Amino acid sequence: MAEEPVYAPDQLKPGNRKWARIGAVGTAAIMLLMLWGNHEGNTENIWLIGTAVALIGVVLVDVVLRRNGLKPNDQ
């Protein structure tokens, strides 16, 4: 007998995509504002910029995939 995975009801409930996008863009903006801080060297700058670009990239890829119908709109 094959075992089926067990899911909690909250796991199947779709989240609010609009607030997730706003949160990701807002977090990226805050990370870029953190460039003007009291740190020395460029290692922190590279991580802050890289992570902010990655967040924006994920949002853009999600928008493009949903627009082209390659990702379902219900989840």
Protein backbone atom coordinates (compact mmCIF):
# COMPACT_ATOMS: atom_id res chain seq x y z
CA MET A 1 0.00 0.00 0.00
CA ALA A 2 1.44 3.36 -1.02
CA GLU A 3 1.75 5.97 1.67
CA GLU A 4 0.42 9.41 0.88
CA PRO A 5 2.02 12.49 2.42
CA VAL A 6 0.17 14.08 5.31
CA TYR A 7 -0.53 17.80 5.04
CA ALA A 8 -1.88 20.21 7.60
CA PRO A 9 -4.81 22.32 6.34
CA ASP A 10 -2.70 25.48 6.53
CA GLN A 11 -0.09 24.04 4.17
CA LEU A 12 -2.58 23.80 1.33
CA LYS A 13 -4.01 27.27 1.89
CA PRO A 14 -2.60 29.73 -0.66
CA GLY A 15 -0.87 32.80 0.73
CA ASN A 16 -1.38 36.40 -0.25
CA ARG A 17 0.88 36.87 -3.28
CA LYS A 18 0.55 40.68 -3.31
CA TRP A 19 1.82 41.04 0.27
CA ALA A 20 4.64 38.57 -0.40
CA ARG A 21 5.81 40.67 -3.35
CA ILE A 22 5.55 43.90 -1.36
CA GLY A 23 7.51 42.28 1.46
CA ALA A 24 10.27 41.09 -0.85
CA VAL A 25 10.65 44.46 -2.59
CA GLY A 26 10.50 46.30 0.75
CA THR A 27 13.16 44.04 2.24
CA ALA A 28 15.39 44.59 -0.80
CA ALA A 29 14.97 48.37 -0.45
CA ILE A 30 15.84 48.25 3.25
CA MET A 31 18.91 46.14 2.48
CA LEU A 32 20.08 48.70 -0.06
CA LEU A 33 19.56 51.48 2.50
CA MET A 34 21.80 49.53 4.85
CA LEU A 35 24.75 50.28 2.55
CA TRP A 36 25.12 53.58 4.43
CA GLY A 37 26.01 52.11 7.78
CA ASN A 38 28.96 51.93 10.09
CA HIS A 39 30.77 49.02 8.50
CA GLU A 40 34.19 48.84 6.90
CA GLY A 41 35.18 47.03 3.75
CA ASN A 42 33.16 45.89 0.77
CA THR A 43 32.28 42.36 1.81
CA GLU A 44 29.10 43.56 3.52
CA ASN A 45 28.22 45.70 0.51
CA ILE A 46 28.56 42.76 -1.85
CA TRP A 47 26.27 40.58 0.30
CA LEU A 48 23.67 43.31 0.72
CA ILE A 49 23.55 44.12 -2.98
CA GLY A 50 23.61 40.46 -4.01
CA THR A 51 20.79 39.48 -1.69
CA ALA A 52 18.67 42.48 -2.73
CA VAL A 53 19.18 41.64 -6.42
CA ALA A 54 18.28 38.00 -5.74
CA LEU A 55 15.03 39.01 -4.01
CA ILE A 56 14.04 41.29 -6.89
CA GLY A 57 15.01 38.56 -9.36
CA VAL A 58 12.77 36.00 -7.65
CA VAL A 59 9.83 38.42 -7.76
CA LEU A 60 10.41 39.18 -11.45
CA VAL A 61 10.73 35.50 -12.39
CA ASP A 62 7.51 34.75 -10.51
CA VAL A 63 5.67 37.54 -12.35
CA VAL A 64 6.92 36.37 -15.76
CA LEU A 65 6.11 32.70 -15.11
CA ARG A 66 2.59 33.51 -13.94
CA ARG A 67 1.98 35.87 -16.87
CA ASN A 68 3.07 33.22 -19.38
CA GLY A 69 0.94 30.53 -17.71
CA LEU A 70 3.89 28.37 -16.67
CA LYS A 71 3.03 28.64 -12.98
CA PRO A 72 -0.50 28.21 -11.60
CA ASN A 73 -2.16 31.33 -10.21
CA ASP A 74 -3.87 29.53 -7.33
CA GLN A 75 -0.71 28.97 -5.26
